[in-house]
């Protein structure tokens, strides 16, 4: 067996040994991409919920201020000092 045949044989053996590793790496890349997309979806959902919560809190604060003003105007609630 000469050097070329030996090199070809070694390349073939290495290729056979690396194929399962390459297959597993491909699967890991796919799983990574799926996980990354899921994380992006969670981040979007969190930002959306945060926006909704801030909007709802602002509405509640407005309603609370309106209720206090009406109760103060009707004499049900004493007027707060400093206003």
C-alpha atoms as a PDB file:
ATOM      1  CA  UNK A   1       0.000   0.000   0.000  1.00  0.00           C
ATOM      2  CA  UNK A   2       1.497   3.319  -1.023  1.00  0.00           C
ATOM      3  CA  UNK A   3       1.103   6.743   0.654  1.00  0.00           C
ATOM      4  CA  UNK A   4      -1.800   7.848  -1.564  1.00  0.00           C
ATOM      5  CA  UNK A   5      -3.812   4.717  -0.807  1.00  0.00           C
ATOM      6  CA  UNK A   6      -3.036   5.075   2.895  1.00  0.00           C
ATOM      7  CA  UNK A   7      -4.101   8.751   2.887  1.00  0.00           C
ATOM      8  CA  UNK A   8      -7.316   7.858   1.047  1.00  0.00           C
ATOM      9  CA  UNK A   9      -8.039   5.105   3.541  1.00  0.00           C
ATOM     10  CA  UNK A  10      -7.405   7.431   6.491  1.00  0.00           C
ATOM     11  CA  UNK A  11      -9.660  10.134   4.960  1.00  0.00           C
ATOM     12  CA  UNK A  12     -12.435   7.578   4.523  1.00  0.00           C
ATOM     13  CA  UNK A  13     -12.159   6.412   8.126  1.00  0.00           C
ATOM     14  CA  UNK A  14     -12.129   9.986   9.443  1.00  0.00           C
ATOM     15  CA  UNK A  15     -15.136  10.857   7.260  1.00  0.00           C
ATOM     16  CA  UNK A  16     -17.073   7.893   8.633  1.00  0.00           C
ATOM     17  CA  UNK A  17     -16.210   8.887  12.201  1.00  0.00           C
ATOM     18  CA  UNK A  18     -17.219  12.520  11.661  1.00  0.00           C
ATOM     19  CA  UNK A  19     -20.570  11.871   9.950  1.00  0.00           C
ATOM     20  CA  UNK A  20     -22.478  11.092  13.185  1.00  0.00           C
ATOM     21  CA  UNK A  21     -20.947  14.168  14.808  1.00  0.00           C
ATOM     22  CA  UNK A  22     -21.968  16.347  11.862  1.00  0.00           C
ATOM     23  CA  UNK A  23     -25.487  14.910  12.017  1.00  0.00           C
ATOM     24  CA  UNK A  24     -25.734  15.711  15.721  1.00  0.00           C
ATOM     25  CA  UNK A  25     -24.396  19.227  15.107  1.00  0.00           C
ATOM     26  CA  UNK A  26     -27.088  19.777  12.496  1.00  0.00           C
ATOM     27  CA  UNK A  27     -29.755  18.687  14.935  1.00  0.00           C
ATOM     28  CA  UNK A  28     -28.297  20.977  17.602  1.00  0.00           C
ATOM     29  CA  UNK A  29     -28.346  23.910  15.177  1.00  0.00           C
ATOM     30  CA  UNK A  30     -32.019  23.265  14.416  1.00  0.00           C
ATOM     31  CA  UNK A  31     -32.839  23.044  18.131  1.00  0.00           C
ATOM     32  CA  UNK A  32     -30.881  26.243  18.771  1.00  0.00           C
ATOM     33  CA  UNK A  33     -32.831  28.074  16.071  1.00  0.00           C
ATOM     34  CA  UNK A  34     -36.152  26.828  17.477  1.00  0.00           C
ATOM     35  CA  UNK A  35     -35.184  27.838  21.009  1.00  0.00           C
ATOM     36  CA  UNK A  36     -34.048  31.261  19.782  1.00  0.00           C
ATOM     37  CA  UNK A  37     -37.402  31.823  18.037  1.00  0.00           C
ATOM     38  CA  UNK A  38     -39.289  30.764  21.144  1.00  0.00           C
ATOM     39  CA  UNK A  39     -37.233  33.171  23.245  1.00  0.00           C
ATOM     40  CA  UNK A  40     -37.958  35.993  20.814  1.00  0.00           C
ATOM     41  CA  UNK A  41     -41.682  35.175  21.070  1.00  0.00           C
ATOM     42  CA  UNK A  42     -41.502  35.252  24.874  1.00  0.00           C
ATOM     43  CA  UNK A  43     -39.670  38.595  24.780  1.00  0.00           C
ATOM     44  CA  UNK A  44     -42.324  40.020  22.440  1.00  0.00           C
ATOM     45  CA  UNK A  45     -45.103  38.734  24.697  1.00  0.00           C
ATOM     46  CA  UNK A  46     -43.445  40.274  27.742  1.00  0.00           C
ATOM     47  CA  UNK A  47     -43.095  43.675  26.019  1.00  0.00           C
ATOM     48  CA  UNK A  48     -46.713  43.478  24.893  1.00  0.00           C
ATOM     49  CA  UNK A  49     -47.935  42.635  28.400  1.00  0.00           C
ATOM     50  CA  UNK A  50     -45.805  45.420  29.885  1.00  0.00           C
ATOM     51  CA  UNK A  51     -47.354  47.912  27.474  1.00  0.00           C
ATOM     52  CA  UNK A  52     -50.862  46.686  28.293  1.00  0.00           C
ATOM     53  CA  UNK A  53     -50.204  46.821  32.052  1.00  0.00           C
ATOM     54  CA  UNK A  54     -48.866  50.375  31.835  1.00  0.00           C
ATOM     55  CA  UNK A  55     -51.909  51.432  29.836  1.00  0.00           C
ATOM     56  CA  UNK A  56     -54.279  49.752  32.309  1.00  0.00           C
ATOM     57  CA  UNK A  57     -52.509  51.316  35.305  1.00  0.00           C
ATOM     58  CA  UNK A  58     -52.803  54.738  33.684  1.00  0.00           C
ATOM     59  CA  UNK A  59     -56.546  54.189  33.153  1.00  0.00           C
ATOM     60  CA  UNK A  60     -56.954  53.100  36.776  1.00  0.00           C
ATOM     61  CA  UNK A  61     -55.063  56.167  38.000  1.00  0.00           C
ATOM     62  CA  UNK A  62     -57.289  58.413  35.884  1.00  0.00           C
ATOM     63  CA  UNK A  63     -60.407  56.712  37.230  1.00  0.00           C
ATOM     64  CA  UNK A  64     -59.112  57.018  40.793  1.00  0.00           C
ATOM     65  CA  UNK A  65     -58.390  60.734  40.352  1.00  0.00           C
ATOM     66  CA  UNK A  66     -61.848  61.274  38.850  1.00  0.00           C
ATOM     67  CA  UNK A  67     -63.523  59.380  41.697  1.00  0.00           C
ATOM     68  CA  UNK A  68     -61.617  61.387  44.316  1.00  0.00           C
ATOM     69  CA  UNK A  69     -62.512  64.666  42.604  1.00  0.00           C
ATOM     70  CA  UNK A  70     -66.215  63.737  42.457  1.00  0.00           C
ATOM     71  CA  UNK A  71     -66.245  62.580  46.090  1.00  0.00           C
ATOM     72  CA  UNK A  72     -64.498  65.789  47.187  1.00  0.00           C
ATOM     73  CA  UNK A  73     -66.949  67.900  45.169  1.00  0.00           C
ATOM     74  CA  UNK A  74     -69.936  66.148  46.800  1.00  0.00           C
ATOM     75  CA  UNK A  75     -68.424  66.535  50.265  1.00  0.00           C
ATOM     76  CA  UNK A  76     -68.125  62.787  50.789  1.00  0.00           C
ATOM     77  CA  UNK A  77     -64.371  63.005  51.031  1.00  0.00           C
ATOM     78  CA  UNK A  78     -62.524  65.923  52.620  1.00  0.00           C
ATOM     79  CA  UNK A  79     -60.363  67.861  50.166  1.00  0.00           C
ATOM     80  CA  UNK A  80     -56.740  66.857  50.275  1.00  0.00           C
ATOM     81  CA  UNK A  81     -54.386  69.548  51.513  1.00  0.00           C
ATOM     82  CA  UNK A  82     -51.846  70.990  49.132  1.00  0.00           C
ATOM     83  CA  UNK A  83     -54.112  71.025  46.068  1.00  0.00           C
END
